Protein backbone atom coordinates (compact mmCIF):
# COMPACT_ATOMS: atom_id res chain seq x y z
CA MET A 1 19.84 3.17 12.05
CA THR A 2 18.57 2.31 15.85
CA LEU A 3 19.77 3.36 19.16
CA LYS A 4 21.43 0.01 19.66
CA ASP A 5 23.66 1.29 16.29
CA VAL A 6 24.26 4.13 17.70
CA PHE A 7 25.66 2.77 20.93
CA ARG A 8 28.41 0.13 18.86
CA LEU A 9 29.86 3.60 17.76
CA PRO A 10 33.36 4.02 19.20
CA ILE A 11 32.95 7.70 19.86
CA LEU A 12 30.14 7.03 22.22
CA GLN A 13 31.81 4.39 24.41
CA ALA A 14 32.90 6.47 26.70
CA GLY A 15 29.13 7.57 27.27
CA LYS A 16 27.48 6.09 30.00
CA LEU A 17 23.68 5.38 29.91
CA LEU A 18 21.46 6.09 32.36
CA THR A 19 18.37 4.94 31.60
CA ASP A 20 17.00 1.44 31.15
CA PRO A 21 19.42 -0.49 28.62
CA GLY A 22 16.47 -2.12 26.95
CA MET A 23 14.25 0.94 26.79
CA GLY A 24 13.93 1.96 23.40
CA LYS A 25 17.09 0.52 21.99
CA ASP A 26 15.24 -0.70 18.56
CA ARG A 27 14.25 3.37 18.25
CA ASP A 28 15.22 4.81 14.88
CA VAL A 29 17.82 7.41 14.62
CA ALA A 30 16.92 9.49 11.55
CA SER A 31 19.13 12.45 12.64
CA VAL A 32 21.59 14.52 15.11
CA SER A 33 21.15 17.80 16.51
CA VAL A 34 22.91 19.80 19.40
CA ILE A 35 20.74 22.28 21.02
CA GLU A 36 19.87 24.16 24.70
CA VAL A 37 16.95 25.70 25.67
CA PRO A 38 14.13 26.64 24.63
CA VAL A 39 13.31 23.37 22.70
CA GLY A 40 10.48 25.02 20.81
CA LYS A 41 10.25 23.39 17.42
CA PHE A 42 13.70 22.95 16.73
CA ILE A 43 13.82 19.02 17.30
CA ARG A 44 12.35 16.20 14.89
CA SER A 45 11.06 12.85 15.39
CA GLY A 46 13.65 10.65 15.79
CA GLU A 47 16.34 12.91 16.52
CA PHE A 48 19.48 12.03 18.63
CA VAL A 49 20.09 15.22 20.62
CA MET A 50 23.10 16.07 22.61
CA SER A 51 23.23 19.39 25.14
CA SER A 52 25.20 20.62 27.85
CA GLY A 53 22.53 21.47 29.66
CA MET A 54 23.27 25.32 29.57
CA ASN A 55 20.84 27.57 31.50
CA VAL A 56 19.14 24.35 33.14
CA GLY A 57 22.05 22.13 34.35
CA HIS A 58 21.98 23.64 37.66
CA ASP A 59 18.83 23.45 38.54
CA GLN A 60 17.45 19.88 39.17
CA LYS A 61 13.82 21.19 38.66
CA LEU A 62 14.74 22.84 35.33
CA LEU A 63 16.64 19.96 33.90
CA ALA A 64 13.76 17.64 34.65
CA ARG A 65 11.38 19.96 32.45
CA PHE A 66 14.17 20.31 29.67
CA VAL A 67 14.54 16.37 29.52
CA GLN A 68 10.38 16.01 29.32
CA ASP A 69 10.35 19.16 26.54
CA VAL A 70 13.17 17.14 24.63
CA ALA A 71 11.10 13.75 24.88
CA GLY A 72 7.76 15.57 23.94
CA ALA A 73 9.43 16.58 20.92
CA GLY A 74 9.44 12.86 19.63
CA ALA A 75 13.64 12.44 20.23
CA SER A 76 15.14 8.89 19.77
CA ALA A 77 17.62 9.82 22.85
CA LEU A 78 19.59 12.49 24.60
CA ALA A 79 22.78 13.12 25.67
CA LEU A 80 23.95 15.40 28.25
CA ALA A 81 27.67 16.46 28.91
CA ILE A 82 29.06 16.65 32.14
CA GLY A 83 31.11 19.99 32.84
CA PRO A 84 30.77 23.47 33.93
CA TYR A 85 26.80 23.73 32.73
CA THR A 86 25.85 20.25 33.92
CA PRO A 87 28.15 18.81 37.09
CA SER A 88 26.18 15.98 37.04
CA ILE A 89 22.61 14.09 36.21
CA PRO A 90 20.34 14.43 38.95
CA LYS A 91 17.57 11.36 39.79
CA GLY A 92 14.69 13.47 38.60
CA ALA A 93 15.96 13.86 35.38
CA VAL A 94 16.66 10.28 34.93
CA ASP A 95 13.26 9.39 36.53
CA ALA A 96 11.98 11.89 34.04
CA ALA A 97 13.20 10.43 30.84
CA GLU A 98 12.33 6.76 32.48
CA LYS A 99 8.69 8.22 32.46
CA LYS A 100 8.64 9.45 29.02
CA ALA A 101 10.56 6.21 27.61
CA LEU A 102 13.61 8.54 26.57
CA THR A 103 17.15 7.47 26.52
CA LEU A 104 19.46 9.52 28.50
CA ILE A 105 23.15 9.13 28.23
CA GLU A 106 25.44 10.93 30.39
CA LEU A 107 28.86 12.47 28.11
CA PRO A 108 32.14 13.24 29.48
CA TRP A 109 33.21 17.05 28.81
CA GLU A 110 36.04 15.96 26.60
CA VAL A 111 33.96 14.58 24.00
CA ARG A 112 33.24 16.63 21.09
CA PHE A 113 29.38 17.22 19.51
CA SER A 114 30.85 17.15 16.26
CA GLU A 115 32.84 13.78 16.19
CA ILE A 116 29.63 12.21 17.35
CA SER A 117 27.43 14.17 14.74
CA GLU A 118 29.98 13.15 11.99
CA ALA A 119 29.88 9.35 13.41
CA ILE A 120 26.15 9.06 13.52
CA LEU A 121 25.68 11.25 10.13
CA ARG A 122 28.25 8.93 8.17
CA GLY A 123 26.39 5.72 9.83
CA LEU A 124 23.28 6.87 8.31
CA ILE A 125 24.62 7.82 4.87
CA GLN A 126 25.94 4.39 4.72
CA GLU A 127 22.81 3.03 5.77
CA GLN A 128 20.54 4.76 3.49
CA ALA A 129 22.74 3.66 0.41
CA LEU A 130 22.73 0.30 1.57
CA ILE A 131 18.70 0.38 1.93
CA ARG A 132 18.43 2.50 -1.65
CA ARG A 133 20.06 -0.78 -3.20
CA HIS A 134 18.11 -3.56 -1.45
CA ASP A 135 14.91 -1.49 -2.22
CA ASP A 136 15.76 -1.30 -5.87
CA PHE A 137 16.97 -5.05 -5.58
CA VAL A 138 13.48 -6.12 -4.79
CA TRP A 139 11.46 -4.06 -7.36
CA SER A 140 14.00 -5.35 -9.66
CA LEU A 141 12.25 -8.82 -8.81
CA ALA A 142 8.97 -7.55 -8.68
CA SER A 143 9.04 -6.04 -12.28
CA GLN A 144 11.87 -8.51 -13.83
CA ASN A 145 14.22 -5.48 -14.38
CA LEU A 146 17.29 -7.78 -14.23
CA ASN A 147 17.77 -11.35 -16.16
CA GLU A 148 18.41 -13.95 -13.85
CA ASP A 149 21.96 -14.13 -13.73
CA ALA A 150 22.38 -10.53 -12.72
CA ALA A 151 19.96 -11.10 -9.93
CA VAL A 152 21.19 -14.14 -8.55
CA SER A 153 24.97 -12.16 -8.37
CA GLN A 154 22.93 -9.08 -7.06
CA GLY A 155 21.30 -11.16 -3.95
CA LYS A 156 24.04 -13.14 -2.86
CA HIS A 157 26.33 -9.85 -2.94
CA LEU A 158 23.06 -8.37 -0.26
CA GLY A 159 23.04 -11.76 1.89
CA TYR A 160 19.94 -13.38 -0.18
CA ASP A 161 19.66 -16.97 -1.89
CA LEU A 162 17.66 -16.81 -4.81
CA ARG A 163 18.14 -20.51 -5.06
CA ARG A 164 15.65 -21.11 -1.98
CA THR A 165 11.77 -20.86 -2.32
CA PHE A 166 9.87 -17.52 -2.39
CA VAL A 167 6.62 -16.15 -2.10
CA GLY A 168 5.95 -12.31 -3.14
CA VAL A 169 3.57 -10.95 -0.58
CA PHE A 170 1.67 -7.72 -0.42
CA GLY A 171 0.40 -5.78 2.38
CA LYS A 172 -1.34 -2.53 2.51
CA VAL A 173 -1.34 -0.42 5.56
CA SER A 174 -4.85 0.68 6.85
CA SER A 175 -5.05 4.15 8.48
CA ALA A 176 -7.60 6.67 10.03
CA ALA A 177 -8.48 9.67 7.55
CA GLY A 178 -6.64 12.58 7.92
CA THR A 179 -3.23 10.37 8.91
CA PRO A 180 -0.48 12.32 7.20
CA ALA A 181 1.77 10.45 4.35
CA ALA A 182 4.66 10.05 6.78
CA GLY A 183 2.60 8.65 9.47
CA ILE A 184 1.35 5.82 7.11
CA GLN A 185 5.00 5.50 5.72
CA ASP A 186 6.06 4.92 9.74
CA GLN A 187 3.56 2.19 10.17
CA ALA A 188 4.41 0.09 6.72
CA ARG A 189 8.23 0.50 8.04
CA PHE A 190 7.02 -1.14 11.49
CA ALA A 191 5.18 -3.84 9.58
CA GLY A 192 7.88 -4.68 7.27
CA ARG A 193 10.14 -4.79 10.36
CA LEU A 194 7.89 -7.68 11.78
CA CYS A 195 8.27 -9.36 8.82
CA GLY A 196 11.92 -9.44 9.25
CA SER A 197 11.83 -10.20 12.87
CA VAL A 198 9.25 -13.19 12.47
CA ALA A 199 11.61 -14.67 9.32
CA VAL A 200 14.69 -14.35 11.55
CA GLN A 201 12.93 -15.93 14.50
CA ASN A 202 11.72 -19.16 12.00
CA ARG A 203 15.57 -19.13 10.36
CA LEU A 204 14.09 -17.65 6.91
CA GLN A 205 14.69 -14.82 4.54
CA TRP A 206 12.76 -11.56 4.30
CA LEU A 207 13.36 -9.31 1.29
CA GLY A 208 11.14 -6.24 1.51
CA THR A 209 10.60 -2.45 0.76
CA ILE A 210 8.08 0.05 1.25
CA VAL A 211 6.57 1.93 -1.19
CA GLY A 212 4.08 4.88 0.15
CA ASP A 213 1.30 2.63 2.67
CA SER A 214 2.19 -0.99 0.99
CA ILE A 215 5.03 -3.43 2.03
CA ILE A 216 6.15 -5.30 -0.89
CA GLY A 217 8.35 -8.33 -0.74
CA TYR A 218 9.38 -11.84 -0.51
CA PHE A 219 9.00 -14.59 2.00
CA GLN A 220 11.21 -17.64 2.21
CA VAL A 221 9.20 -20.57 2.06
CA PRO A 222 9.60 -23.09 5.37
CA ARG A 223 10.34 -26.64 4.40
CA THR A 224 8.44 -27.46 8.30
CA GLY A 225 6.67 -26.27 10.46
CA PRO A 226 4.25 -23.23 10.04
CA GLY A 227 3.12 -22.13 6.50
CA ILE A 228 3.26 -18.81 5.18
CA PRO A 229 -0.45 -17.52 6.19
CA ALA A 230 0.59 -18.85 9.95
CA LEU A 231 3.55 -16.62 9.80
CA PHE A 232 1.94 -13.35 8.93
CA ASN A 233 -0.74 -14.47 11.29
CA GLU A 234 2.19 -13.73 13.52
CA VAL A 235 3.23 -10.51 12.30
CA ARG A 236 -0.44 -9.41 12.43
CA THR A 237 -0.30 -10.12 16.39
CA LEU A 238 2.85 -8.39 16.97
CA ALA A 239 1.38 -5.21 14.90
CA ALA A 240 -2.16 -5.60 17.20
CA GLY A 241 -2.51 -1.96 18.25
CA ARG A 242 0.26 -0.05 16.32
CA CYS A 243 -0.77 -0.68 12.70
CA ALA A 244 -3.38 -2.79 10.86
CA VAL A 245 -2.45 -4.51 7.27
CA SER A 246 -4.03 -6.08 4.96
CA TRP A 247 -1.78 -8.95 3.13
CA GLY A 248 -1.59 -10.68 -0.16
CA ILE A 249 0.27 -14.05 -0.74
CA GLY A 250 1.14 -14.99 -3.96
CA ARG A 251 2.56 -18.23 -5.71
CA SER A 252 5.56 -20.05 -4.89
CA CYS A 253 8.68 -18.76 -7.02
CA GLN A 254 9.65 -22.26 -8.69
CA GLU A 255 11.42 -20.47 -11.58
CA PHE A 256 12.71 -16.85 -11.84
CA ALA A 257 10.12 -15.56 -13.98
CA ASP A 258 8.00 -16.46 -10.90
CA PHE A 259 9.21 -13.32 -8.81
CA GLN A 260 6.97 -11.14 -10.92
CA ARG A 261 4.08 -13.17 -11.03
CA SER A 262 3.88 -13.55 -7.27
CA TYR A 263 4.24 -10.36 -7.12
CA VAL A 264 1.04 -9.63 -9.04
CA ASP A 265 -0.82 -12.34 -7.43
CA ALA A 266 -0.01 -11.06 -3.90
CA ARG A 267 -1.26 -7.39 -4.54
CA THR A 268 -4.49 -8.77 -6.39
CA ALA A 269 -4.56 -11.00 -3.47
CA CYS A 270 -4.34 -8.32 -0.98
CA GLU A 271 -6.82 -6.16 -2.84
CA ILE A 272 -9.47 -8.88 -3.05
CA GLY A 273 -9.16 -9.74 0.64
CA GLY A 274 -9.32 -6.19 1.92
CA ARG A 275 -12.76 -5.47 -0.31
CA VAL A 276 -14.30 -8.79 0.79
CA ARG A 277 -12.72 -10.12 3.80
CA GLY A 278 -12.11 -6.64 5.71
CA GLU A 279 -9.08 -4.91 6.79
CA GLY A 280 -6.33 -6.78 8.54
CA SER A 281 -7.06 -9.67 6.32
CA ILE A 282 -4.26 -12.33 5.46
CA THR A 283 -5.72 -13.92 1.94
CA ASP A 284 -3.61 -16.43 -0.42
CA ALA A 285 -3.89 -16.20 -3.87
CA THR A 286 -4.87 -19.64 -4.36
CA ASP A 287 -8.12 -18.97 -2.03
CA VAL A 288 -9.24 -16.39 -4.31
CA LEU A 289 -9.33 -17.87 -7.78
CA ALA A 290 -12.52 -17.07 -8.73
CA ASP A 291 -12.85 -13.59 -7.12
CA ARG A 292 -9.89 -12.71 -9.13
CA ILE A 293 -11.82 -13.77 -12.50
CA LEU A 294 -14.36 -11.41 -11.43
CA LEU A 295 -12.53 -8.39 -10.77
CA ASN A 296 -11.53 -8.30 -14.16
CA LEU A 297 -14.65 -8.19 -14.82
CA ARG A 298 -16.01 -5.23 -12.49
CA ARG A 299 -16.33 -3.09 -15.30
CA ASP A 300 -18.15 -5.05 -17.98
CA GLY A 301 -21.40 -3.44 -18.95
CA ASP A 302 -23.34 -7.15 -18.59
CA VAL A 303 -22.07 -6.69 -14.73
CA SER A 304 -23.83 -3.19 -14.61
CA MET A 305 -26.75 -4.64 -15.76
CA LEU A 306 -26.88 -7.50 -13.01
CA LEU A 307 -26.09 -4.76 -10.51
CA ASP A 308 -28.88 -2.48 -11.62
CA ARG A 309 -31.43 -5.73 -11.56
CA TYR A 310 -30.43 -7.21 -7.91
CA VAL A 311 -27.97 -4.57 -5.91
CA LYS A 312 -29.83 -1.61 -6.89
CA PRO A 313 -33.08 -2.25 -5.70
CA LEU A 314 -31.65 -3.42 -2.55
CA GLN A 315 -29.41 -0.80 -1.61
CA GLU A 316 -32.25 1.84 -2.58
CA SER A 317 -34.50 -0.02 0.35
CA ARG A 318 -34.52 2.71 2.93
CA ARG A 319 -36.82 1.36 5.48
CA MET A 320 -34.81 -1.99 6.21
CA PRO A 321 -31.22 -2.95 5.69
CA LEU A 322 -32.03 -5.36 2.59
CA LEU A 323 -28.84 -5.38 1.15
CA ALA A 324 -26.69 -6.19 4.34
CA THR A 325 -29.66 -8.75 4.88
CA MET A 326 -29.44 -10.77 1.77
CA GLU A 327 -24.88 -10.67 1.95
CA ALA A 328 -25.42 -12.36 5.59
CA PHE A 329 -28.29 -14.65 4.17
CA PHE A 330 -25.84 -15.88 1.34
CA GLU A 331 -22.57 -16.03 3.60
CA ASN A 332 -24.45 -18.39 5.78
CA ASP A 333 -24.98 -20.67 3.18
CA CYS A 334 -29.04 -19.42 2.81
CA ASN A 335 -29.51 -21.18 5.96
CA VAL A 336 -32.18 -18.93 7.39
CA SER A 337 -31.41 -19.72 11.45
CA VAL A 338 -27.85 -18.99 11.29
CA ALA A 339 -28.24 -15.81 8.95
CA ALA A 340 -31.34 -14.50 11.43
CA ARG A 341 -28.86 -15.49 14.53
CA LYS A 342 -25.92 -13.28 12.87
CA LEU A 343 -28.11 -10.30 12.03
CA SER A 344 -29.71 -10.53 15.89
CA ILE A 345 -33.32 -10.81 14.33
CA SER A 346 -35.83 -13.31 14.34
CA ARG A 347 -36.28 -16.04 12.07
CA GLN A 348 -39.60 -14.30 10.71
CA SER A 349 -38.38 -11.26 10.26
CA LEU A 350 -35.69 -12.38 8.14
CA LEU A 351 -38.13 -14.39 5.82
CA TYR A 352 -39.89 -10.92 5.78
CA ARG A 353 -37.10 -9.43 4.39
CA ILE A 354 -36.13 -11.84 1.83
CA ALA A 355 -39.78 -11.79 0.90
CA LYS A 356 -39.41 -7.69 0.59
CA ALA A 357 -36.23 -8.25 -1.62
CA GLU A 358 -37.39 -10.78 -3.75
CA ALA A 359 -40.68 -8.03 -4.35
CA LEU A 360 -38.15 -5.41 -5.45
CA MET A 361 -35.52 -7.49 -7.31
CA HIS A 362 -38.70 -9.41 -9.08
CA ALA A 363 -36.55 -12.22 -8.25
CA ASP A 364 -37.87 -15.62 -6.89
CA LEU A 365 -34.81 -17.60 -4.43
CA GLN A 366 -36.33 -20.95 -4.95
CA ASN A 367 -35.25 -20.28 -8.66
CA SER A 368 -31.66 -21.68 -8.93
CA GLU A 369 -31.00 -19.46 -11.83
CA HIS A 370 -32.41 -16.32 -9.89
CA ARG A 371 -30.21 -17.49 -6.84
CA PHE A 372 -26.92 -17.83 -8.59
CA ALA A 373 -27.57 -14.44 -10.23
CA LEU A 374 -27.81 -13.09 -6.61
CA SER A 375 -25.02 -14.57 -5.07
CA LEU A 376 -22.97 -13.33 -8.21
CA ALA A 377 -24.47 -9.37 -7.96
CA LEU A 378 -23.52 -9.44 -4.43
CA ARG A 379 -20.13 -10.54 -5.15
CA LEU A 380 -19.24 -8.38 -7.78
CA HIS A 381 -20.66 -5.73 -5.92
CA HIS A 382 -17.46 -5.67 -3.52
CA PHE A 383 -15.34 -5.05 -6.46
CA GLN A 384 -17.10 -1.61 -7.59
CA PRO A 385 -14.87 1.57 -7.07
CA HIS A 386 -17.93 3.20 -4.76
CA SER A 387 -19.45 0.03 -2.85
CA ASP A 388 -19.57 -0.36 0.61
CA ILE A 389 -17.10 -2.58 1.77
CA LYS A 390 -17.60 -4.63 5.32
């Protein structure tokens, strides 16, 4: 439930919005409370706060400080009742709210806080029930827990037409170490909402749900215009600075069973893209088919032998970064000049490092078999549990 939804409630039509109407209208409202000073730790993030301004409403400075404290606690909005405790809301309090991006509302004294609380809580309960049905439906498509007729019927009831062509998508939020689980989920929800916004802008459908730090969903394939990767590039641009998400895109769902296959495709593409291309990548399953095979081989005993022969000696080099050097060399089609520029070293320095690597691996890169084996080993190295991901 957003502030925009709250403002539509009949009980709040008697209220007066004092801050910028566009500010925070899409901010989530997670709960509602009534509070007086001191604020302390009694306000949770996303709360719709109501107050009579007792003990502060007659003092402009105290009221402005109260507004700042409510904003600092992470509230979505503050509604102040005009009456014996707060005769009016001065400009200083409004300015304080604007500065802290807190939505400030003036309420008539006659409006009961209990009725506002009841209306908001009723809306939150209804919304949670709808979200639960929606989430269960998306997961049923990914896991094939419904037969086709039941899925089509449920989809129609929720406003989705499964006869259109969809692709499965899987996104994983990248967060700094120590980020609390709630913060990661907030980022995932934000990314999911961006997917919905981009879909609406392009007159497409988006079905998505959040599981921990992951976004699971289905995006309608446009008949014309930008393709799915381009649409997710829009999502990445909109999310810049707020969160980083690695996206995987699955196959088109041509038949009902493809909903599960496309989900698996997307999840695998996301994992490969994150390991090989880095955080924030957008990876189509059809572009990493060879890597998908390699991913399934990563625990094979012969793979361990290959890595011990070609990668381990490079990792153990302490005097120079031979592993990174050989990765850059192969990523640039074994072009010495281009790879040297990428590494910001001279051509001769790169040739020296290559010779050193060949000696440690007991390999000759002029030999096509050795060159292929090293290229394969470097690729497989990315899929090992403790590899250094770029």
